[in-house]
């Protein structure tokens, strides 16, 4: 604990003198906790502009030890510049500036080493329009925000790339048909229109994926629960693949009865099944096996749930890639796709209160298994 001493002013009055704090002294910040426990950097200067608090996070962000910062003038301990090279403390002038100012909004500033940090400040006054009693500065590392910005930039680049190809096709075929309609046979016109229709479906599907990602990231993905026959839903997807030309013996559906009554969003469940089966057909080899079984519920308070396992006999997923399968833009091969499907699948399953895992099948291929709780309404309990 620092000891407060006194000295005599020239006019004979006793003046209280507070020595510069030492590293380890407890500073009264009004927070009720140890500043070193805060995740963000915290720097506090007294009424004279000298640093009285410099927590561990501030030391880590600035690469300056607390012992060297305590007792120093604020502008010396924290020599910040804006992105145009101007000294921030001279611009803001917290002690001599406008008396009505109480804060500085968050902005990007630079440390002498060139590192970019997010800084905001609060001016504490003992009375309105009075002198500044404390300057409290918050520091944040920008790395997390930069990762988010890079992720958004990657998403925009991927979407632009995926949209450009089908839209170019749609534009080219429609322009050709409008300009030279009479020169083409009916078969040629049909082929062009079928291509335009397929590319329009591709654009629609991509836009739907983007909307799903937005809802998942913001926690606004709605689940409209209804009774779902999961076995029949899998059967419909298999029939669609067979109708599209896949051999019927490529699929093996095994359903263990009795299954618990499942309440889920049928459209969302179809989306999950579509993605998993498409991955198995496109990237896997051999027989695609779908097992539908009762299982323990992943949600507390429920005893039973329903599990669906989709596996194939292909090369599988490398062990080092297992932890990235459900992240954005992960692609198991170079056979197309946006790399967003499994990210959306995970978001949909978790929105239902379920879980999803990936592993290696007993026959060597990839194996995806998701489990949904029964999700029955309270009035049926």
Protein backbone atom coordinates (compact mmCIF):
# COMPACT_ATOMS: atom_id res chain seq x y z
CA UNK A 1 0.00 0.00 0.00
CA UNK A 2 1.34 3.41 -0.98
CA UNK A 3 1.75 5.97 1.82
CA UNK A 4 0.40 9.43 1.27
CA UNK A 5 2.78 12.13 2.53
CA UNK A 6 2.58 15.91 2.94
CA UNK A 7 4.75 18.82 1.91
CA UNK A 8 4.58 22.56 2.55
CA UNK A 9 3.58 24.90 -0.23
CA UNK A 10 5.29 28.35 -0.57
CA UNK A 11 2.27 30.02 1.07
CA UNK A 12 2.52 27.76 4.13
CA UNK A 13 -0.38 25.41 3.28
CA UNK A 14 0.06 21.64 3.70
CA UNK A 15 -0.26 19.86 0.36
CA UNK A 16 -1.00 16.12 0.14
CA UNK A 17 1.53 14.28 -2.00
CA UNK A 18 0.92 10.83 -3.46
CA UNK A 19 4.05 8.95 -4.48
CA UNK A 20 4.17 7.16 -7.83
CA UNK A 21 2.61 3.73 -7.44
CA UNK A 22 4.81 0.65 -7.56
CA UNK A 23 4.07 -2.47 -9.58
CA UNK A 24 1.89 -4.67 -7.38
CA UNK A 25 0.18 -1.78 -5.56
CA UNK A 26 -3.60 -2.14 -5.62
CA UNK A 27 -5.18 0.76 -7.46
CA UNK A 28 -8.71 1.80 -6.64
CA UNK A 29 -10.39 1.80 -10.05
CA UNK A 30 -13.97 1.46 -8.91
CA UNK A 31 -14.25 -1.89 -10.72
CA UNK A 32 -14.25 -4.04 -7.59
CA UNK A 33 -11.86 -6.55 -9.19
CA UNK A 34 -8.17 -6.95 -9.80
CA UNK A 35 -7.39 -5.08 -13.08
CA UNK A 36 -5.04 -7.90 -14.09
CA UNK A 37 -8.08 -10.17 -14.38
CA UNK A 38 -9.59 -8.05 -17.16
CA UNK A 39 -9.29 -9.48 -20.69
CA UNK A 40 -8.70 -6.02 -22.24
CA UNK A 41 -5.84 -3.65 -21.58
CA UNK A 42 -6.61 -1.06 -18.91
CA UNK A 43 -4.57 2.10 -18.36
CA UNK A 44 -5.63 4.69 -15.77
CA UNK A 45 -4.03 8.11 -15.35
CA UNK A 46 -4.59 10.43 -12.39
CA UNK A 47 -5.51 14.12 -12.39
CA UNK A 48 -1.89 15.02 -13.18
CA UNK A 49 -1.75 12.76 -16.23
CA UNK A 50 0.48 10.12 -14.66
CA UNK A 51 -0.23 6.43 -15.00
CA UNK A 52 -1.53 4.82 -11.80
CA UNK A 53 -2.82 1.55 -13.30
CA UNK A 54 -1.34 -0.57 -16.09
CA UNK A 55 -2.77 -4.05 -16.07
CA UNK A 56 -1.31 -7.29 -17.42
CA UNK A 57 -3.30 -7.17 -20.68
CA UNK A 58 -2.02 -3.63 -21.39
CA UNK A 59 1.54 -4.84 -20.77
CA UNK A 60 1.01 -7.73 -23.20
CA UNK A 61 -0.53 -5.55 -25.92
CA UNK A 62 2.03 -2.72 -25.69
CA UNK A 63 5.08 -4.91 -24.87
CA UNK A 64 5.82 -2.48 -22.01
CA UNK A 65 6.12 -3.72 -18.45
CA UNK A 66 3.85 -2.27 -15.78
CA UNK A 67 6.89 -1.30 -13.70
CA UNK A 68 8.15 0.93 -16.52
CA UNK A 69 4.74 2.47 -17.20
CA UNK A 70 3.55 3.29 -13.68
CA UNK A 71 4.26 6.88 -12.68
CA UNK A 72 5.05 7.94 -16.26
CA UNK A 73 3.10 10.64 -18.11
CA UNK A 74 0.25 9.06 -20.04
CA UNK A 75 1.51 10.25 -23.42
CA UNK A 76 4.95 8.75 -22.69
CA UNK A 77 3.71 5.39 -21.36
CA UNK A 78 1.20 5.11 -24.17
CA UNK A 79 2.57 7.01 -27.21
CA UNK A 80 -0.32 6.47 -29.59
CA UNK A 81 -0.60 7.82 -33.13
CA UNK A 82 -3.50 7.80 -35.54
CA UNK A 83 -3.24 6.17 -38.95
CA UNK A 84 -2.05 9.49 -40.43
CA UNK A 85 0.90 9.73 -38.04
CA UNK A 86 -0.52 12.38 -35.72
CA UNK A 87 0.01 12.04 -31.97
CA UNK A 88 -3.31 11.10 -30.42
CA UNK A 89 -2.87 12.74 -27.00
CA UNK A 90 -2.04 16.08 -28.58
CA UNK A 91 -5.15 15.85 -30.73
CA UNK A 92 -7.53 14.83 -27.95
CA UNK A 93 -5.97 16.86 -25.08
CA UNK A 94 -8.02 15.19 -22.30
CA UNK A 95 -6.87 17.54 -19.52
CA UNK A 96 -7.03 20.84 -21.38
CA UNK A 97 -9.71 20.19 -23.97
CA UNK A 98 -13.44 20.82 -23.91
CA UNK A 99 -14.89 20.53 -20.41
CA UNK A 100 -18.06 18.91 -21.74
CA UNK A 101 -16.18 15.97 -23.27
CA UNK A 102 -16.43 12.76 -21.28
CA UNK A 103 -15.14 10.10 -23.68
CA UNK A 104 -13.28 9.21 -26.85
CA UNK A 105 -15.00 6.62 -29.08
CA UNK A 106 -13.18 3.47 -30.10
CA UNK A 107 -10.80 3.83 -33.01
CA UNK A 108 -7.75 2.20 -34.57
CA UNK A 109 -4.43 3.65 -33.39
CA UNK A 110 -0.79 2.68 -33.77
CA UNK A 111 1.86 1.92 -31.17
CA UNK A 112 5.48 2.97 -31.84
CA UNK A 113 6.26 -0.58 -33.04
CA UNK A 114 3.61 -0.18 -35.74
CA UNK A 115 1.15 -2.54 -34.07
CA UNK A 116 -2.48 -1.57 -34.54
CA UNK A 117 -4.74 -1.48 -31.46
CA UNK A 118 -8.33 -0.51 -30.73
CA UNK A 119 -8.45 2.32 -28.20
CA UNK A 120 -11.25 4.10 -26.39
CA UNK A 121 -11.04 6.48 -23.43
CA UNK A 122 -13.25 7.76 -20.64
CA UNK A 123 -12.77 11.06 -18.81
CA UNK A 124 -13.87 10.98 -15.17
CA UNK A 125 -14.76 14.32 -13.59
CA UNK A 126 -15.67 14.85 -9.95
CA UNK A 127 -18.30 17.38 -11.01
CA UNK A 128 -19.89 18.42 -14.31
CA UNK A 129 -17.59 20.69 -16.33
CA UNK A 130 -14.92 20.25 -13.66
CA UNK A 131 -11.30 19.24 -14.24
CA UNK A 132 -10.50 15.68 -15.29
CA UNK A 133 -9.92 13.48 -12.25
CA UNK A 134 -9.09 10.25 -14.07
CA UNK A 135 -8.47 9.18 -17.66
CA UNK A 136 -9.38 5.53 -18.22
CA UNK A 137 -8.09 3.98 -21.43
CA UNK A 138 -9.14 0.61 -22.83
CA UNK A 139 -6.90 -1.28 -25.27
CA UNK A 140 -7.85 -4.20 -27.47
CA UNK A 141 -5.80 -6.30 -29.82
CA UNK A 142 -7.12 -6.11 -33.39
CA UNK A 143 -6.15 -9.68 -34.37
CA UNK A 144 -9.58 -11.19 -33.60
CA UNK A 145 -11.31 -8.44 -35.58
CA UNK A 146 -8.85 -8.91 -38.44
CA UNK A 147 -9.63 -12.63 -38.53
CA UNK A 148 -13.33 -11.80 -38.75
CA UNK A 149 -12.70 -9.29 -41.52
CA UNK A 150 -10.60 -11.83 -43.42
CA UNK A 151 -13.38 -14.38 -43.05
CA UNK A 152 -15.91 -11.89 -44.42
CA UNK A 153 -13.57 -11.02 -47.28
CA UNK A 154 -13.15 -14.71 -48.12
CA UNK A 155 -16.91 -15.17 -48.05
CA UNK A 156 -17.43 -12.23 -50.42
CA UNK A 157 -14.70 -13.49 -52.78
CA UNK A 158 -16.14 -17.02 -52.78
CA UNK A 159 -19.67 -15.80 -53.42
CA UNK A 160 -18.52 -13.48 -56.22
CA UNK A 161 -16.64 -16.36 -57.85
CA UNK A 162 -19.52 -18.80 -57.51
CA UNK A 163 -22.07 -16.29 -58.82
CA UNK A 164 -20.01 -15.14 -61.77
CA UNK A 165 -19.97 -18.48 -63.57
CA UNK A 166 -23.74 -19.22 -63.64
CA UNK A 167 -24.68 -15.60 -64.24
CA UNK A 168 -22.28 -15.41 -67.17
CA UNK A 169 -23.92 -18.52 -68.59
CA UNK A 170 -27.43 -17.16 -68.06
CA UNK A 171 -26.55 -13.84 -69.65
CA UNK A 172 -24.79 -15.46 -72.61
CA UNK A 173 -27.54 -17.92 -73.48
CA UNK A 174 -30.41 -15.47 -73.05
CA UNK A 175 -28.63 -12.81 -75.13
CA UNK A 176 -27.91 -15.38 -77.84
CA UNK A 177 -31.50 -16.63 -77.91
CA UNK A 178 -32.91 -13.10 -78.06
CA UNK A 179 -30.60 -12.07 -80.88
CA UNK A 180 -30.72 -15.25 -82.98
CA UNK A 181 -33.89 -17.06 -81.96
CA UNK A 182 -34.86 -18.09 -85.50
CA UNK A 183 -31.47 -19.64 -86.27
CA UNK A 184 -31.71 -22.41 -83.66
CA UNK A 185 -33.63 -25.66 -83.78
CA UNK A 186 -36.10 -26.56 -81.08
CA UNK A 187 -33.62 -29.03 -79.58
CA UNK A 188 -30.91 -26.37 -79.41
CA UNK A 189 -33.31 -23.91 -77.78
CA UNK A 190 -34.36 -26.52 -75.23
CA UNK A 191 -30.73 -27.30 -74.37
CA UNK A 192 -29.95 -23.61 -73.84
CA UNK A 193 -33.04 -23.05 -71.71
CA UNK A 194 -32.30 -26.14 -69.61
CA UNK A 195 -28.80 -24.80 -68.99
CA UNK A 196 -30.21 -21.41 -67.98
CA UNK A 197 -32.68 -23.14 -65.65
CA UNK A 198 -29.92 -25.22 -64.01
CA UNK A 199 -27.70 -22.16 -63.53
CA UNK A 200 -30.62 -20.20 -62.05
CA UNK A 201 -31.14 -23.04 -59.57
CA UNK A 202 -27.45 -22.86 -58.69
CA UNK A 203 -27.69 -19.12 -57.99
CA UNK A 204 -30.83 -19.64 -55.90
CA UNK A 205 -29.10 -22.38 -53.89
CA UNK A 206 -26.07 -20.17 -53.23
CA UNK A 207 -28.24 -17.27 -52.06
CA UNK A 208 -30.11 -19.65 -49.73
CA UNK A 209 -26.76 -20.79 -48.29
CA UNK A 210 -25.74 -17.18 -47.64
CA UNK A 211 -29.00 -16.47 -45.85
CA UNK A 212 -28.53 -19.59 -43.72
CA UNK A 213 -24.99 -18.54 -42.80
CA UNK A 214 -26.23 -15.09 -41.82
CA UNK A 215 -28.93 -16.58 -39.58
CA UNK A 216 -26.53 -19.12 -38.04
CA UNK A 217 -23.87 -16.49 -37.28
CA UNK A 218 -26.43 -14.13 -35.72
CA UNK A 219 -28.25 -16.88 -33.79
CA UNK A 220 -31.50 -16.23 -35.69
CA UNK A 221 -31.94 -19.60 -37.39
CA UNK A 222 -35.57 -20.53 -36.77
CA UNK A 223 -36.62 -24.15 -36.24
CA UNK A 224 -40.29 -24.92 -36.93
CA UNK A 225 -40.82 -28.32 -35.36
CA UNK A 226 -43.23 -30.85 -36.84
CA UNK A 227 -43.42 -34.65 -36.71
CA UNK A 228 -40.72 -36.00 -39.07
CA UNK A 229 -40.40 -39.52 -40.46
CA UNK A 230 -36.63 -39.53 -40.82
CA UNK A 231 -36.56 -42.93 -42.53
CA UNK A 232 -39.01 -41.80 -45.22
CA UNK A 233 -37.04 -38.57 -45.69
CA UNK A 234 -33.84 -40.53 -46.37
CA UNK A 235 -35.77 -42.80 -48.76
CA UNK A 236 -36.97 -39.80 -50.79
CA UNK A 237 -33.41 -38.56 -51.25
CA UNK A 238 -32.22 -41.97 -52.38
CA UNK A 239 -35.09 -42.21 -54.90
CA UNK A 240 -34.14 -38.79 -56.28
CA UNK A 241 -30.54 -39.92 -56.84
CA UNK A 242 -31.69 -43.12 -58.53
CA UNK A 243 -34.04 -41.13 -60.78
CA UNK A 244 -31.10 -38.88 -61.69
CA UNK A 245 -29.09 -41.87 -62.91
CA UNK A 246 -27.30 -43.28 -59.86
CA UNK A 247 -27.48 -47.09 -59.63
CA UNK A 248 -29.96 -48.26 -56.99
CA UNK A 249 -27.47 -50.72 -55.52
CA UNK A 250 -25.11 -47.88 -54.60
CA UNK A 251 -27.32 -47.02 -51.62
CA UNK A 252 -27.95 -49.15 -48.55
CA UNK A 253 -30.58 -47.88 -46.10
CA UNK A 254 -30.86 -49.59 -42.72
CA UNK A 255 -33.50 -48.48 -40.22
CA UNK A 256 -33.57 -49.87 -36.71
CA UNK A 257 -37.08 -50.02 -35.32
CA UNK A 258 -38.75 -48.78 -33.24
CA UNK A 259 -37.64 -45.19 -33.73
CA UNK A 260 -38.77 -42.50 -31.27
CA UNK A 261 -41.23 -39.91 -32.57
CA UNK A 262 -39.07 -37.08 -33.88
CA UNK A 263 -40.17 -33.43 -33.86
CA UNK A 264 -37.95 -31.29 -36.07
CA UNK A 265 -38.02 -28.83 -38.95
CA UNK A 266 -38.61 -31.06 -42.00
CA UNK A 267 -37.11 -28.58 -44.46
CA UNK A 268 -33.97 -28.20 -42.34
CA UNK A 269 -33.65 -31.98 -41.90
CA UNK A 270 -33.94 -32.39 -45.68
CA UNK A 271 -31.17 -29.82 -46.10
CA UNK A 272 -28.89 -31.77 -43.74
CA UNK A 273 -29.60 -35.08 -45.47
CA UNK A 274 -29.12 -33.51 -48.92
CA UNK A 275 -25.69 -32.13 -48.01
CA UNK A 276 -24.43 -35.32 -46.38
CA UNK A 277 -25.67 -37.59 -49.19
CA UNK A 278 -24.33 -35.25 -51.87
CA UNK A 279 -20.89 -35.30 -50.21
CA UNK A 280 -20.94 -39.10 -50.04
CA UNK A 281 -22.00 -39.45 -53.69
CA UNK A 282 -19.73 -36.74 -55.08
CA UNK A 283 -16.58 -37.25 -53.00
CA UNK A 284 -16.91 -40.86 -51.86
CA UNK A 285 -16.82 -44.18 -53.65
CA UNK A 286 -18.59 -47.52 -53.48
CA UNK A 287 -21.75 -48.10 -51.47
CA UNK A 288 -23.26 -45.21 -49.54
CA UNK A 289 -24.69 -46.63 -46.31
CA UNK A 290 -27.30 -44.76 -44.27
CA UNK A 291 -28.09 -46.07 -40.79
CA UNK A 292 -31.06 -44.64 -38.88
CA UNK A 293 -31.09 -45.74 -35.25
CA UNK A 294 -32.54 -44.74 -31.89
CA UNK A 295 -29.90 -43.33 -29.55
CA UNK A 296 -29.36 -41.44 -26.35
CA UNK A 297 -30.58 -37.86 -26.61
CA UNK A 298 -27.87 -35.17 -26.71
CA UNK A 299 -30.14 -32.87 -24.71
CA UNK A 300 -30.52 -33.00 -20.96
CA UNK A 301 -33.91 -34.07 -19.68
CA UNK A 302 -34.59 -36.43 -22.61
CA UNK A 303 -33.73 -40.09 -22.72
CA UNK A 304 -33.99 -40.90 -26.41
CA UNK A 305 -33.01 -39.32 -29.70
CA UNK A 306 -32.52 -40.32 -33.32
CA UNK A 307 -29.14 -40.80 -35.02
CA UNK A 308 -28.42 -40.85 -38.74
CA UNK A 309 -25.05 -42.13 -39.97
CA UNK A 310 -23.93 -41.60 -43.58
CA UNK A 311 -20.79 -43.45 -44.66
CA UNK A 312 -19.08 -44.38 -47.90
CA UNK A 313 -16.21 -46.57 -49.11
CA UNK A 314 -13.99 -43.84 -50.55
CA UNK A 315 -10.59 -42.60 -49.41
CA UNK A 316 -12.13 -40.80 -46.43
CA UNK A 317 -10.99 -37.58 -44.80
CA UNK A 318 -7.34 -37.18 -43.73
CA UNK A 319 -6.87 -37.22 -39.98
CA UNK A 320 -5.28 -33.77 -39.98
CA UNK A 321 -8.40 -32.31 -41.67
CA UNK A 322 -10.98 -33.75 -39.26
CA UNK A 323 -11.06 -30.66 -37.05
CA UNK A 324 -11.68 -28.35 -40.06
CA UNK A 325 -14.49 -30.23 -41.75
CA UNK A 326 -17.28 -28.07 -40.28
CA UNK A 327 -15.54 -24.74 -40.84
CA UNK A 328 -16.31 -22.34 -43.67
CA UNK A 329 -14.77 -22.99 -47.09
CA UNK A 330 -13.46 -26.47 -46.25
CA UNK A 331 -13.44 -28.66 -49.33
CA UNK A 332 -12.76 -32.37 -49.26
CA UNK A 333 -11.68 -32.41 -52.90
CA UNK A 334 -11.39 -30.23 -55.98
CA UNK A 335 -14.72 -31.38 -57.37
CA UNK A 336 -16.49 -28.08 -56.92
CA UNK A 337 -18.74 -26.72 -54.23
CA UNK A 338 -18.54 -23.59 -52.10
CA UNK A 339 -17.24 -25.27 -48.97
CA UNK A 340 -20.19 -23.88 -47.00
CA UNK A 341 -22.46 -26.94 -46.88
CA UNK A 342 -21.04 -28.72 -43.84
CA UNK A 343 -20.79 -25.43 -41.92
CA UNK A 344 -24.53 -24.96 -42.50
CA UNK A 345 -25.26 -28.60 -41.62
CA UNK A 346 -23.55 -28.17 -38.25
CA UNK A 347 -25.48 -24.95 -37.59
CA UNK A 348 -28.81 -26.60 -38.40
CA UNK A 349 -28.13 -29.66 -36.23
CA UNK A 350 -27.03 -27.51 -33.29
CA UNK A 351 -30.08 -25.25 -33.71
CA UNK A 352 -32.16 -28.39 -33.08
CA UNK A 353 -30.15 -29.08 -29.91
CA UNK A 354 -28.33 -31.96 -31.61
CA UNK A 355 -24.73 -32.94 -32.28
CA UNK A 356 -22.77 -33.96 -35.38
CA UNK A 357 -19.43 -35.75 -35.67
CA UNK A 358 -17.12 -36.91 -38.44
CA UNK A 359 -14.85 -39.94 -38.47
CA UNK A 360 -13.63 -42.86 -40.52
CA UNK A 361 -16.05 -45.61 -41.49
CA UNK A 362 -15.26 -49.26 -40.81
CA UNK A 363 -14.80 -49.77 -44.57
CA UNK A 364 -12.36 -46.87 -44.80
CA UNK A 365 -14.45 -43.97 -46.11
CA UNK A 366 -15.84 -40.88 -44.41
CA UNK A 367 -18.56 -41.26 -41.80
CA UNK A 368 -20.85 -38.45 -40.68
CA UNK A 369 -23.20 -39.03 -37.76
CA UNK A 370 -25.75 -36.56 -36.45
CA UNK A 371 -28.07 -37.04 -33.51
CA UNK A 372 -31.27 -35.08 -32.91
CA UNK A 373 -33.25 -34.94 -29.67
CA UNK A 374 -36.89 -35.98 -29.84
CA UNK A 375 -37.90 -32.35 -29.41
CA UNK A 376 -41.54 -33.16 -28.60
CA UNK A 377 -43.71 -30.25 -27.43
CA UNK A 378 -44.39 -29.98 -23.71
CA UNK A 379 -48.08 -30.86 -24.10
CA UNK A 380 -47.10 -34.32 -25.42
CA UNK A 381 -44.76 -35.06 -22.53
